[in-house]
Amino acid sequence: MILSVTPEGGSPARQIHDQISGLITTGRLGRGERLPSVRQLAADLAVAPGTVAKAYRSLEADGLLVTRVGSGTRVSDDAAPVSSAVAQAARHLATAARDEGLSLEDVLRVLRSSW
């Protein structure tokens, strides 16, 4: 699993949350797949363990991860990827929005109005 945290990318916990969520949503992380321990991922990303723990808790609240003592943190059996067509459309939208200088909030507003 390749994640990165950048100074300009917002809070490190949110970056970790969004990247793992994206990997699950696009099917790159499958149901039941084990994630690195909090300490291991924190060391890999050079962030505090509490930052990774916060991201994992948020992903659990979203229903994407399940943590069990003794078996670690895994992708939830209820987590389902989106189709490749939807993932591709999202990538195109994100690229166009960045090119136009739109914020995430602007993009979400456009999506909500199109729903």
Protein backbone atom coordinates (compact mmCIF):
# COMPACT_ATOMS: atom_id res chain seq x y z
CA MET A 1 0.00 0.00 0.00
CA ILE A 2 1.52 3.28 -1.12
CA LEU A 3 0.44 6.38 0.76
CA SER A 4 2.04 9.77 1.11
CA VAL A 5 1.53 12.76 3.35
CA THR A 6 2.44 16.22 2.12
CA PRO A 7 2.60 19.54 4.00
CA GLU A 8 0.26 21.21 1.51
CA GLY A 9 -2.28 18.36 1.46
CA GLY A 10 -4.22 19.31 4.59
CA SER A 11 -4.19 17.46 7.88
CA PRO A 12 -2.14 14.26 7.81
CA ALA A 13 -5.00 12.24 9.34
CA ARG A 14 -7.39 13.47 6.60
CA GLN A 15 -4.83 12.67 3.90
CA ILE A 16 -4.41 9.13 5.23
CA HIS A 17 -8.19 8.70 5.54
CA ASP A 18 -8.84 9.95 2.00
CA GLN A 19 -6.11 7.85 0.42
CA ILE A 20 -7.16 4.61 2.12
CA SER A 21 -10.80 5.35 1.35
CA GLY A 22 -9.83 5.86 -2.29
CA LEU A 23 -7.92 2.58 -2.40
CA ILE A 24 -10.94 0.73 -1.01
CA THR A 25 -13.43 2.52 -3.24
CA THR A 26 -11.45 1.77 -6.38
CA GLY A 27 -10.92 -1.86 -5.40
CA ARG A 28 -7.16 -1.58 -4.90
CA LEU A 29 -7.71 -2.71 -1.31
CA GLY A 30 -10.13 -5.61 -1.16
CA ARG A 31 -12.52 -6.87 1.47
CA GLY A 32 -10.71 -8.56 4.33
CA GLU A 33 -7.31 -7.22 3.30
CA ARG A 34 -5.11 -6.39 6.26
CA LEU A 35 -3.70 -2.90 6.71
CA PRO A 36 -0.39 -2.08 8.36
CA SER A 37 -0.43 -1.61 12.10
CA VAL A 38 -0.84 1.93 13.38
CA ARG A 39 2.79 2.02 14.47
CA GLN A 40 4.09 0.58 11.20
CA LEU A 41 2.14 3.00 9.00
CA ALA A 42 3.10 5.93 11.25
CA ALA A 43 6.77 5.00 10.90
CA ASP A 44 6.42 4.56 7.12
CA LEU A 45 4.79 7.99 6.74
CA ALA A 46 6.89 9.74 9.41
CA VAL A 47 3.81 10.86 11.36
CA ALA A 48 2.71 10.31 14.94
CA PRO A 49 0.92 7.03 15.70
CA GLY A 50 -2.04 9.05 16.98
CA THR A 51 -2.45 10.54 13.50
CA VAL A 52 -2.79 7.11 11.91
CA ALA A 53 -5.05 5.93 14.74
CA LYS A 54 -7.32 8.94 14.13
CA ALA A 55 -7.54 8.12 10.41
CA TYR A 56 -8.26 4.44 11.13
CA ARG A 57 -11.01 5.36 13.63
CA SER A 58 -12.59 7.67 11.07
CA LEU A 59 -12.48 4.91 8.43
CA GLU A 60 -14.07 2.52 10.93
CA ALA A 61 -16.84 5.05 11.57
CA ASP A 62 -17.36 5.20 7.79
CA GLY A 63 -17.77 1.41 7.75
CA LEU A 64 -14.68 0.85 5.62
CA LEU A 65 -12.38 -0.73 8.22
CA VAL A 66 -12.77 -3.17 11.09
CA THR A 67 -10.22 -3.51 13.88
CA ARG A 68 -10.12 -6.59 16.08
CA VAL A 69 -7.64 -7.34 18.82
CA GLY A 70 -5.32 -10.07 17.63
CA SER A 71 -6.21 -9.85 13.95
CA GLY A 72 -5.39 -6.20 13.30
CA THR A 73 -7.14 -3.74 11.04
CA ARG A 74 -8.78 -5.03 7.88
CA VAL A 75 -11.00 -3.73 5.12
CA SER A 76 -14.60 -4.32 6.16
CA ASP A 77 -16.56 -7.09 4.47
CA ASP A 78 -19.24 -4.43 3.88
CA ALA A 79 -16.87 -2.15 1.94
CA ALA A 80 -17.65 -2.27 -1.76
CA PRO A 81 -15.66 -0.75 -4.60
CA VAL A 82 -17.33 1.37 -7.25
CA SER A 83 -17.30 0.40 -10.90
CA SER A 84 -14.26 1.28 -12.97
CA ALA A 85 -16.42 3.65 -15.04
CA VAL A 86 -17.37 5.66 -11.94
CA ALA A 87 -13.77 5.67 -10.68
CA GLN A 88 -12.54 6.87 -14.08
CA ALA A 89 -15.19 9.61 -14.24
CA ALA A 90 -14.17 10.75 -10.75
CA ARG A 91 -10.52 10.95 -11.80
CA HIS A 92 -11.50 13.02 -14.85
CA LEU A 93 -13.62 15.33 -12.69
CA ALA A 94 -10.81 15.74 -10.17
CA THR A 95 -8.30 16.58 -12.90
CA ALA A 96 -10.63 19.10 -14.55
CA ALA A 97 -11.46 20.69 -11.20
CA ARG A 98 -7.78 21.05 -10.28
CA ASP A 99 -7.05 22.53 -13.71
CA GLU A 100 -9.84 25.08 -13.16
CA GLY A 101 -8.63 25.87 -9.64
CA LEU A 102 -11.79 24.61 -7.95
CA SER A 103 -11.84 23.52 -4.33
CA LEU A 104 -13.16 20.18 -3.15
CA GLU A 105 -16.17 22.01 -1.73
CA ASP A 106 -16.90 23.46 -5.19
CA VAL A 107 -16.71 20.00 -6.75
CA LEU A 108 -18.99 18.53 -4.09
CA ARG A 109 -21.49 21.31 -4.68
CA VAL A 110 -21.50 20.49 -8.42
CA LEU A 111 -21.99 16.81 -7.69
CA ARG A 112 -24.82 17.46 -5.25
CA SER A 113 -26.62 19.68 -7.76
CA SER A 114 -26.23 16.95 -10.41
CA TRP A 115 -27.59 14.22 -8.15
